Amino acid sequence: MNPRSPSHLDHVRNDDAYADILAGWDAAFYAKFTDTLRPSTPGGRLLDIGCGVGQVVATLTREGFEAHGVDVAAPNIDRTRAFTDRCLLYDGRQLPYPDNHFDTVGALNVVEHVEDPEDFIREAVRVCKPGGRVVLSSPNFLRFLGFRDYHPRMRGIGNKWRNLHALLDRRSRMQSRPGEHRFERMTPIIKEPFTPDDDAIVCTNALDIAFFLERSGCRIERVECTDRYVPAALGWLLNLTPLKYGLFNAFVVGRKR
């Protein structure tokens, strides 16, 4: 067997400090993801891909669901041992589960960090049961509206103008040459101090995520620009029009056919 090729994720595979960062996440950060990942049937089986130190798995396990998780970082998985044996270390490529195994499958802020996002989404859909939900939430690096632009790709009038045209070009390519369409790759930012998503290598956005979920066998149920809970009226307004594709985040829910 050939050895595993180097990955940009190698720096977190044994990084206890990174596990500390994840452990400090505010519960509000992943509450919407948790609620959407929750199976509709009592005791349902779910998978959190890139589970970190297992906050989502812990919450849903306490509620009586069969909650599973995978992560590439050994220190993260070690911390999940305090409450479950259903979180596994994996290679970031192939999920160690059979086809059609889970009622729901999700990944929160993971797609932007994987080498092969198209394969990653296919794998997520593969292990989900027909009729089950797949929940993918990532930053929108092609935002052309809004504020709190923490990444250089999002920041400034010039970038926002380019992002708008990039989204229009990508939509056109999806329609005219769907078989050739791929996520755009980015070069990670190396600097100190580290800021959120400096290590992102995929230019995630809701348009692309929805496209690859559909191509992998899902029907899209929801596309939202809000990955956290906001007041209902504000959420309705932000997600009312196609402008949501140019706003804050990419929160996409598909239903496997």
Protein backbone atom coordinates (compact mmCIF):
# COMPACT_ATOMS: atom_id res chain seq x y z
CA MET A 1 0.00 0.00 0.00
CA ASN A 2 1.31 3.46 -0.88
CA PRO A 3 1.85 5.84 2.05
CA ARG A 4 -0.61 8.67 2.49
CA SER A 5 0.45 11.75 0.53
CA PRO A 6 1.21 14.95 2.47
CA SER A 7 -1.75 17.15 3.30
CA HIS A 8 -2.08 20.77 4.36
CA LEU A 9 -4.09 19.35 7.29
CA ASP A 10 -1.04 17.56 8.68
CA HIS A 11 -0.32 20.53 10.97
CA VAL A 12 -3.53 19.89 12.95
CA ARG A 13 -3.37 16.09 13.13
CA ASN A 14 -1.48 16.18 16.44
CA ASP A 15 -2.08 19.76 17.53
CA ASP A 16 -3.39 20.00 21.10
CA ALA A 17 -3.59 23.79 20.84
CA TYR A 18 -6.04 23.48 17.96
CA ALA A 19 -8.19 21.18 20.10
CA ASP A 20 -8.15 23.88 22.80
CA ILE A 21 -9.45 26.43 20.27
CA LEU A 22 -12.31 24.15 19.25
CA ALA A 23 -13.19 23.38 22.86
CA GLY A 24 -13.70 27.10 23.43
CA TRP A 25 -16.35 27.51 20.75
CA ASP A 26 -19.51 29.23 21.93
CA ALA A 27 -22.46 26.82 21.84
CA ALA A 28 -24.41 29.38 19.80
CA PHE A 29 -21.87 28.91 17.02
CA TYR A 30 -23.03 25.36 16.25
CA ALA A 31 -26.62 25.41 17.58
CA LYS A 32 -28.28 25.83 14.17
CA PHE A 33 -26.10 23.13 12.66
CA THR A 34 -26.91 20.81 15.56
CA ASP A 35 -30.64 21.35 15.22
CA THR A 36 -30.56 20.78 11.46
CA LEU A 37 -28.42 17.65 11.81
CA ARG A 38 -30.79 16.18 14.41
CA PRO A 39 -32.62 13.16 12.89
CA SER A 40 -36.39 13.35 12.67
CA THR A 41 -36.89 9.87 14.16
CA PRO A 42 -36.13 9.01 17.82
CA GLY A 43 -32.81 7.24 18.18
CA GLY A 44 -31.81 8.05 14.61
CA ARG A 45 -28.22 7.65 13.45
CA LEU A 46 -26.19 10.70 12.41
CA LEU A 47 -22.66 11.62 11.39
CA ASP A 48 -20.76 14.86 12.08
CA ILE A 49 -17.81 15.02 9.65
CA GLY A 50 -15.01 17.09 11.12
CA CYS A 51 -16.54 16.75 14.57
CA GLY A 52 -13.71 18.53 16.37
CA VAL A 53 -13.81 17.82 20.09
CA GLY A 54 -17.37 16.55 19.75
CA GLN A 55 -19.73 19.22 21.05
CA VAL A 56 -22.42 18.40 18.47
CA VAL A 57 -21.99 14.65 18.97
CA ALA A 58 -22.22 15.10 22.75
CA THR A 59 -25.43 17.15 22.55
CA LEU A 60 -27.20 14.71 20.26
CA THR A 61 -25.94 11.68 22.20
CA ARG A 62 -27.47 13.12 25.37
CA GLU A 63 -30.76 13.46 23.50
CA GLY A 64 -30.78 9.74 22.77
CA PHE A 65 -29.58 9.71 19.17
CA GLU A 66 -26.87 7.43 17.82
CA ALA A 67 -24.40 10.21 17.12
CA HIS A 68 -21.12 9.49 15.33
CA GLY A 69 -18.22 11.75 14.39
CA VAL A 70 -14.98 11.68 12.44
CA ASP A 71 -12.02 14.04 12.49
CA VAL A 72 -8.46 14.14 11.13
CA ALA A 73 -6.93 15.35 14.42
CA ALA A 74 -6.04 12.77 17.06
CA PRO A 75 -6.19 15.23 20.01
CA ASN A 76 -9.76 16.09 19.04
CA ILE A 77 -10.83 12.45 18.98
CA ASP A 78 -9.02 11.80 22.26
CA ARG A 79 -11.24 14.39 23.95
CA THR A 80 -14.42 12.76 22.67
CA ARG A 81 -13.53 9.58 24.57
CA ALA A 82 -14.86 11.25 27.72
CA PHE A 83 -18.44 10.79 26.49
CA THR A 84 -18.52 8.43 23.49
CA ASP A 85 -16.67 5.73 21.58
CA ARG A 86 -18.43 6.63 18.33
CA CYS A 87 -15.96 9.29 17.15
CA LEU A 88 -13.24 7.98 14.86
CA LEU A 89 -9.97 9.27 13.47
CA TYR A 90 -10.03 9.25 9.67
CA ASP A 91 -7.84 10.27 6.74
CA GLY A 92 -10.00 13.17 5.52
CA ARG A 93 -10.83 11.34 2.33
CA GLN A 94 -12.87 8.14 2.59
CA LEU A 95 -15.46 7.82 5.33
CA PRO A 96 -15.15 4.50 7.22
CA TYR A 97 -18.84 3.61 6.89
CA PRO A 98 -20.98 1.66 4.41
CA ASP A 99 -23.34 3.21 1.88
CA ASN A 100 -26.72 4.50 3.10
CA HIS A 101 -25.76 4.19 6.77
CA PHE A 102 -26.93 7.45 8.39
CA ASP A 103 -30.24 9.29 8.70
CA THR A 104 -28.43 12.64 8.59
CA VAL A 105 -24.88 13.67 7.68
CA GLY A 106 -23.30 17.08 8.18
CA ALA A 107 -20.09 19.09 8.15
CA LEU A 108 -19.69 22.46 9.83
CA ASN A 109 -16.86 24.64 8.47
CA VAL A 110 -15.00 21.71 6.91
CA VAL A 111 -15.43 21.85 3.12
CA GLU A 112 -13.16 24.90 2.84
CA HIS A 113 -10.26 22.89 4.31
CA VAL A 114 -10.28 19.67 2.26
CA GLU A 115 -8.11 18.86 -0.74
CA ASP A 116 -10.91 17.31 -2.80
CA PRO A 117 -14.18 19.08 -1.91
CA GLU A 118 -16.08 17.43 -4.78
CA ASP A 119 -15.13 13.97 -3.49
CA PHE A 120 -15.80 15.08 0.08
CA ILE A 121 -19.40 15.97 -0.79
CA ARG A 122 -19.87 12.72 -2.73
CA GLU A 123 -18.67 10.80 0.32
CA ALA A 124 -21.07 12.66 2.62
CA VAL A 125 -23.98 11.81 0.33
CA ARG A 126 -22.82 8.21 -0.12
CA VAL A 127 -23.12 7.35 3.57
CA CYS A 128 -26.51 9.06 3.94
CA LYS A 129 -29.68 7.03 3.54
CA PRO A 130 -32.07 7.80 0.67
CA GLY A 131 -34.45 10.40 2.03
CA GLY A 132 -31.91 11.56 4.61
CA ARG A 133 -30.55 15.08 5.07
CA VAL A 134 -27.05 16.31 4.24
CA VAL A 135 -26.12 19.59 5.96
CA LEU A 136 -23.08 21.56 4.79
CA SER A 137 -22.12 24.90 6.31
CA SER A 138 -19.05 26.91 5.27
CA PRO A 139 -17.93 30.53 4.87
CA ASN A 140 -18.99 32.40 1.75
CA PHE A 141 -15.65 33.55 0.32
CA LEU A 142 -17.51 35.04 -2.68
CA ARG A 143 -19.62 37.42 -0.63
CA PHE A 144 -20.18 40.74 -2.35
CA LEU A 145 -22.47 42.29 0.27
CA GLY A 146 -22.39 42.65 4.02
CA PHE A 147 -19.74 43.26 6.63
CA ARG A 148 -17.52 41.42 9.15
CA ASP A 149 -15.18 40.58 6.26
CA TYR A 150 -12.50 38.73 8.20
CA HIS A 151 -10.75 37.11 5.20
CA PRO A 152 -8.90 39.08 2.47
CA ARG A 153 -10.94 37.38 -0.25
CA MET A 154 -14.07 39.02 1.17
CA ARG A 155 -12.66 42.42 1.99
CA GLY A 156 -12.83 45.68 0.03
CA ILE A 157 -14.90 47.07 -2.83
CA GLY A 158 -12.58 45.64 -5.47
CA ASN A 159 -12.83 42.11 -4.11
CA LYS A 160 -16.59 42.37 -3.70
CA TRP A 161 -16.93 43.45 -7.33
CA ARG A 162 -14.76 40.53 -8.45
CA ASN A 163 -16.74 38.15 -6.23
CA LEU A 164 -20.02 39.23 -7.82
CA HIS A 165 -18.65 38.55 -11.30
CA ALA A 166 -17.10 35.28 -10.15
CA LEU A 167 -20.49 34.05 -8.91
CA LEU A 168 -22.16 35.05 -12.19
CA ASP A 169 -19.42 33.31 -14.18
CA ARG A 170 -19.71 30.18 -12.06
CA ARG A 171 -23.48 30.05 -12.47
CA SER A 172 -23.03 30.36 -16.23
CA ARG A 173 -20.47 27.54 -16.26
CA MET A 174 -22.75 25.29 -14.20
CA GLN A 175 -25.40 25.70 -16.88
CA SER A 176 -23.22 25.50 -19.98
CA ARG A 177 -20.44 23.07 -18.94
CA PRO A 178 -21.58 21.31 -15.76
CA GLY A 179 -19.23 18.36 -16.21
CA GLU A 180 -16.20 20.66 -16.14
CA HIS A 181 -17.23 22.68 -13.09
CA ARG A 182 -15.06 22.49 -9.96
CA PHE A 183 -14.64 24.44 -6.75
CA GLU A 184 -12.08 27.23 -6.97
CA ARG A 185 -8.95 26.50 -4.93
CA MET A 186 -7.18 29.14 -2.81
CA THR A 187 -3.68 29.48 -1.40
CA PRO A 188 -3.65 29.31 2.42
CA ILE A 189 -2.42 32.38 4.28
CA ILE A 190 0.69 31.86 6.41
CA LYS A 191 1.02 34.54 9.06
CA GLU A 192 1.06 35.22 12.79
CA PRO A 193 -1.20 35.63 14.56
CA PHE A 194 -3.51 33.11 12.95
CA THR A 195 -7.01 34.38 12.15
CA PRO A 196 -10.10 32.36 11.21
CA ASP A 197 -9.85 30.46 7.92
CA ASP A 198 -6.31 31.55 7.12
CA ASP A 199 -5.78 27.88 6.28
CA ALA A 200 -8.78 27.63 3.94
CA ILE A 201 -7.87 26.19 0.54
CA VAL A 202 -11.34 26.02 -1.07
CA CYS A 203 -13.34 29.10 -2.07
CA THR A 204 -16.61 27.84 -0.62
CA ASN A 205 -19.93 29.50 -1.41
CA ALA A 206 -23.56 28.38 -1.37
CA LEU A 207 -23.87 28.21 -5.17
CA ASP A 208 -21.07 25.66 -5.53
CA ILE A 209 -22.07 23.62 -2.48
CA ALA A 210 -25.65 23.30 -3.72
CA PHE A 211 -24.41 22.37 -7.21
CA PHE A 212 -22.22 19.52 -5.96
CA LEU A 213 -24.86 18.25 -3.56
CA GLU A 214 -27.30 18.04 -6.46
CA ARG A 215 -24.73 16.38 -8.70
CA SER A 216 -24.07 13.82 -5.95
CA GLY A 217 -27.74 12.87 -5.76
CA CYS A 218 -29.48 15.37 -3.49
CA ARG A 219 -32.47 17.63 -3.89
CA ILE A 220 -31.76 21.03 -2.34
CA GLU A 221 -34.18 21.97 0.44
CA ARG A 222 -32.60 25.11 1.90
CA VAL A 223 -29.93 27.60 0.96
CA GLU A 224 -29.31 30.26 3.57
CA CYS A 225 -26.65 32.89 4.25
CA THR A 226 -27.06 32.59 8.02
CA ASP A 227 -25.18 29.77 9.73
CA ARG A 228 -26.33 30.85 13.19
CA TYR A 229 -29.71 31.71 14.62
CA VAL A 230 -30.84 35.29 14.06
CA PRO A 231 -34.23 36.88 14.78
CA ALA A 232 -36.83 35.23 12.56
CA ALA A 233 -37.79 38.39 10.69
CA LEU A 234 -34.16 39.22 9.96
CA GLY A 235 -33.43 35.69 8.78
CA TRP A 236 -36.45 35.76 6.49
CA LEU A 237 -35.35 39.08 5.02
CA LEU A 238 -31.71 38.07 4.52
CA ASN A 239 -32.67 34.84 2.77
CA LEU A 240 -35.64 36.15 0.78
CA THR A 241 -33.90 36.86 -2.54
CA PRO A 242 -30.95 35.56 -4.59
CA LEU A 243 -28.85 38.21 -2.85
CA LYS A 244 -28.37 35.59 -0.13
CA TYR A 245 -25.69 34.06 -2.38
CA GLY A 246 -23.66 37.24 -1.91
CA LEU A 247 -24.01 37.52 1.85
CA PHE A 248 -22.33 36.08 4.91
CA ASN A 249 -22.21 32.29 4.86
CA ALA A 250 -23.22 29.18 2.97
CA PHE A 251 -25.69 27.00 4.89
CA VAL A 252 -27.06 24.37 2.52
CA VAL A 253 -29.39 21.45 3.26
CA GLY A 254 -29.98 18.66 0.75
CA ARG A 255 -32.23 15.63 0.80
CA LYS A 256 -30.77 12.47 -0.74
CA ARG A 257 -32.92 11.12 -3.54
